[in-house]
Amino acid sequence: MPPVDPNRQIAEYRIGVLDTLSIRVFQEPELTFETVAVDSAGLINFPLIGEVSAAGRTPLELSNAIEDGLATRFIRDPQVVVGVVASAGQRVVVDGSVVEPGVYEIAGTSSLIESIARAKGLNDVAVDDEVIVFRFIDGERYGAVFNFKDIREGRAPDPEIKGGDRIVVGFSAVRAAYRDFLRAAPLFNVFTRF
């Protein structure tokens, strides 16, 4: 997985399956919708023109497709604006030994450090040299192991994280046992059964 290139221009957002869109047709309130869901096949159903392929297109490309469909028979010179209300595909799962595991929204791409920071960082039993990123590429699941400590200290590049990735931070049983021992020990300098 390549590191984030600071000189790279941000790619235009491409609509994904299960995204929620807003579609506005200028001076046509009955063809203006605050929320339109992209179905699991990547299609939307739009009045007068029927099913329109949305997944994989930019909002501008979808606007042009709807304009073309409306202009063929129904409206002279339609002006359509498509916006993305919610993006289902731009989420990252951060799991394992982090403070707040969960599903987090990202805008386009992120980095490993940014994604773990969204989960409030590593917890006290994390193994910072065993961070695994899983990604589906062409329908197959791939994984890569990263040394988060080296990335944080600048000795390794910070990899790019994309929507749909799953980040799993390793667990240290030794650190967990030590943490549990410290919590169970009522006083220092006193032997405690453990």
Protein backbone atom coordinates (compact mmCIF):
# COMPACT_ATOMS: atom_id res chain seq x y z
CA MET A 1 0.00 0.00 0.00
CA PRO A 2 1.56 3.28 -1.04
CA PRO A 3 2.15 6.17 1.36
CA VAL A 4 0.02 9.28 1.07
CA ASP A 5 1.51 11.57 -1.60
CA PRO A 6 1.26 15.18 -0.38
CA ASN A 7 1.63 16.48 -3.97
CA ARG A 8 -1.16 14.33 -5.37
CA GLN A 9 -4.34 16.12 -6.28
CA ILE A 10 -7.43 14.80 -4.53
CA ALA A 11 -9.36 12.62 -6.93
CA GLU A 12 -12.95 13.56 -7.65
CA TYR A 13 -15.39 11.63 -5.54
CA ARG A 14 -17.04 8.72 -7.32
CA ILE A 15 -20.53 7.74 -6.22
CA GLY A 16 -20.69 4.34 -4.56
CA VAL A 17 -23.29 1.69 -3.90
CA LEU A 18 -25.70 2.63 -1.07
CA ASP A 19 -24.65 6.31 -1.10
CA THR A 20 -27.38 8.88 -0.48
CA LEU A 21 -27.65 11.72 -2.99
CA SER A 22 -29.58 14.95 -3.35
CA ILE A 23 -30.80 15.82 -6.84
CA ARG A 24 -32.10 19.27 -7.78
CA VAL A 25 -33.60 20.17 -11.15
CA PHE A 26 -33.72 23.95 -11.59
CA GLN A 27 -37.28 25.31 -11.69
CA GLU A 28 -38.76 21.81 -11.42
CA PRO A 29 -39.73 21.26 -7.74
CA GLU A 30 -41.45 17.93 -8.49
CA LEU A 31 -38.11 16.62 -9.82
CA THR A 32 -36.09 17.87 -6.85
CA PHE A 33 -35.27 15.37 -4.09
CA GLU A 34 -33.44 15.91 -0.81
CA THR A 35 -32.48 12.22 -0.56
CA VAL A 36 -32.17 9.59 -3.27
CA ALA A 37 -30.60 6.24 -2.38
CA VAL A 38 -28.25 4.42 -4.72
CA ASP A 39 -29.34 0.78 -4.66
CA SER A 40 -27.08 -2.26 -4.28
CA ALA A 41 -26.79 -2.52 -8.07
CA GLY A 42 -25.49 1.05 -8.29
CA LEU A 43 -28.68 2.46 -9.83
CA ILE A 44 -31.11 5.22 -8.96
CA ASN A 45 -34.69 5.40 -10.17
CA PHE A 46 -35.46 8.90 -11.44
CA PRO A 47 -38.94 10.12 -12.54
CA LEU A 48 -39.54 10.34 -16.30
CA ILE A 49 -36.29 8.62 -17.26
CA GLY A 50 -36.30 5.49 -15.09
CA GLU A 51 -33.17 3.71 -13.92
CA VAL A 52 -29.90 5.60 -14.19
CA SER A 53 -26.48 4.14 -13.42
CA ALA A 54 -24.92 6.18 -10.60
CA ALA A 55 -22.15 4.07 -9.05
CA GLY A 56 -18.70 4.86 -10.38
CA ARG A 57 -19.69 8.27 -11.71
CA THR A 58 -18.80 11.65 -10.29
CA PRO A 59 -21.71 13.85 -9.19
CA LEU A 60 -21.10 16.03 -12.29
CA GLU A 61 -21.21 13.00 -14.61
CA LEU A 62 -24.48 11.87 -13.03
CA SER A 63 -25.89 15.42 -13.38
CA ASN A 64 -25.04 15.34 -17.09
CA ALA A 65 -26.64 11.90 -17.53
CA ILE A 66 -29.88 13.04 -15.88
CA GLU A 67 -29.86 16.24 -17.96
CA ASP A 68 -29.44 14.18 -21.14
CA GLY A 69 -32.31 11.87 -20.13
CA LEU A 70 -34.65 14.75 -19.34
CA ALA A 71 -33.69 16.76 -22.44
CA THR A 72 -34.51 13.95 -24.90
CA ARG A 73 -38.28 14.17 -24.41
CA PHE A 74 -39.38 16.12 -21.39
CA ILE A 75 -37.60 19.38 -20.46
CA ARG A 76 -35.86 21.86 -22.70
CA ASP A 77 -32.35 22.69 -21.42
CA PRO A 78 -32.64 21.11 -17.93
CA GLN A 79 -30.14 22.10 -15.26
CA VAL A 80 -29.43 19.37 -12.73
CA VAL A 81 -27.24 19.47 -9.64
CA VAL A 82 -26.31 16.25 -7.83
CA GLY A 83 -24.81 16.30 -4.34
CA VAL A 84 -23.62 13.52 -2.03
CA VAL A 85 -25.53 13.60 1.26
CA ALA A 86 -23.99 10.47 2.82
CA SER A 87 -21.28 8.19 1.56
CA ALA A 88 -21.63 4.54 2.49
CA GLY A 89 -18.38 3.43 0.88
CA GLN A 90 -16.15 5.99 2.55
CA ARG A 91 -15.94 4.34 5.92
CA VAL A 92 -13.01 2.71 7.68
CA VAL A 93 -13.28 0.10 10.41
CA VAL A 94 -10.70 0.51 13.20
CA ASP A 95 -10.64 -2.52 15.47
CA GLY A 96 -8.44 -4.25 17.99
CA SER A 97 -6.42 -2.53 20.70
CA VAL A 98 -7.51 1.07 20.21
CA VAL A 99 -9.28 3.33 22.71
CA GLU A 100 -12.54 3.58 20.74
CA PRO A 101 -12.92 0.85 18.10
CA GLY A 102 -15.58 1.57 15.53
CA VAL A 103 -16.56 2.62 12.04
CA TYR A 104 -15.30 6.06 11.01
CA GLU A 105 -16.15 8.29 8.05
CA ILE A 106 -13.30 9.47 5.84
CA ALA A 107 -13.34 11.95 2.99
CA GLY A 108 -11.80 10.20 0.00
CA THR A 109 -8.60 8.86 1.48
CA SER A 110 -6.83 9.07 4.80
CA SER A 111 -3.58 7.84 6.31
CA LEU A 112 -2.99 5.13 8.89
CA ILE A 113 -2.07 7.68 11.57
CA GLU A 114 -5.21 9.74 10.86
CA SER A 115 -7.43 6.66 10.95
CA ILE A 116 -6.07 5.44 14.29
CA ALA A 117 -6.31 8.97 15.67
CA ARG A 118 -10.04 8.91 14.86
CA ALA A 119 -10.26 5.90 17.21
CA LYS A 120 -8.51 7.99 19.92
CA GLY A 121 -5.18 6.17 19.46
CA LEU A 122 -3.75 2.90 20.73
CA ASN A 123 -4.72 1.61 24.15
CA ASP A 124 -2.26 0.43 26.79
CA VAL A 125 -2.27 -3.22 25.64
CA ALA A 126 -1.68 -2.53 21.94
CA VAL A 127 1.23 -3.97 20.02
CA ASP A 128 2.30 -1.00 17.93
CA ASP A 129 4.43 -3.05 15.54
CA GLU A 130 1.49 -5.29 14.54
CA VAL A 131 -1.07 -3.12 12.79
CA ILE A 132 -2.80 -4.96 9.95
CA VAL A 133 -4.75 -3.25 7.17
CA PHE A 134 -7.20 -5.41 5.19
CA ARG A 135 -8.42 -4.25 1.78
CA PHE A 136 -10.51 -5.78 -1.00
CA ILE A 137 -8.79 -5.49 -4.38
CA ASP A 138 -10.66 -6.84 -7.41
CA GLY A 139 -12.96 -8.84 -5.13
CA GLU A 140 -10.14 -10.51 -3.17
CA ARG A 141 -9.10 -9.74 0.39
CA TYR A 142 -5.52 -8.59 0.93
CA GLY A 143 -3.69 -7.60 4.08
CA ALA A 144 -0.50 -5.75 4.97
CA VAL A 145 1.27 -5.52 8.34
CA PHE A 146 2.69 -2.18 9.44
CA ASN A 147 4.95 -1.08 12.28
CA PHE A 148 2.94 1.83 13.66
CA LYS A 149 5.76 2.94 15.95
CA ASP A 150 8.11 3.38 12.97
CA ILE A 151 5.42 5.28 11.05
CA ARG A 152 4.73 7.58 13.99
CA GLU A 153 8.44 8.28 14.46
CA GLY A 154 8.92 9.02 10.75
CA ARG A 155 11.12 5.98 10.00
CA ALA A 156 8.50 4.44 7.70
CA PRO A 157 6.01 6.02 5.28
CA ASP A 158 2.42 6.53 6.43
CA PRO A 159 0.27 4.28 4.16
CA GLU A 160 -2.83 5.51 2.39
CA ILE A 161 -6.12 4.25 3.82
CA LYS A 162 -9.18 4.06 1.58
CA GLY A 163 -12.89 3.69 2.20
CA GLY A 164 -13.75 0.07 2.96
CA ASP A 165 -10.40 -0.71 4.62
CA ARG A 166 -10.32 -2.54 7.96
CA ILE A 167 -7.52 -1.71 10.41
CA VAL A 168 -6.77 -4.17 13.22
CA VAL A 169 -4.31 -3.24 15.96
CA GLY A 170 -2.55 -6.16 17.69
CA PHE A 171 -3.11 -7.19 21.30
CA SER A 172 -0.32 -7.87 23.81
CA ALA A 173 -1.27 -10.56 26.32
CA VAL A 174 1.81 -9.73 28.43
CA ARG A 175 0.85 -6.06 28.69
CA ALA A 176 -2.75 -7.02 29.48
CA ALA A 177 -1.63 -9.38 32.26
CA TYR A 178 0.65 -6.68 33.69
CA ARG A 179 -2.19 -4.12 33.53
CA ASP A 180 -4.56 -6.55 35.27
CA PHE A 181 -1.91 -7.26 37.92
CA LEU A 182 -1.49 -3.55 38.64
CA ARG A 183 -5.26 -3.14 38.97
CA ALA A 184 -5.51 -6.17 41.27
CA ALA A 185 -2.56 -5.21 43.50
CA PRO A 186 -3.92 -3.15 46.41
CA LEU A 187 -0.56 -1.84 47.57
CA PHE A 188 2.97 -1.65 46.28
CA ASN A 189 5.66 -3.73 47.99
CA VAL A 190 3.09 -6.33 49.05
CA PHE A 191 2.90 -9.72 47.42
CA THR A 192 -0.50 -10.30 45.87
CA ARG A 193 -1.93 -13.55 44.60
CA PHE A 194 -2.42 -13.35 40.84
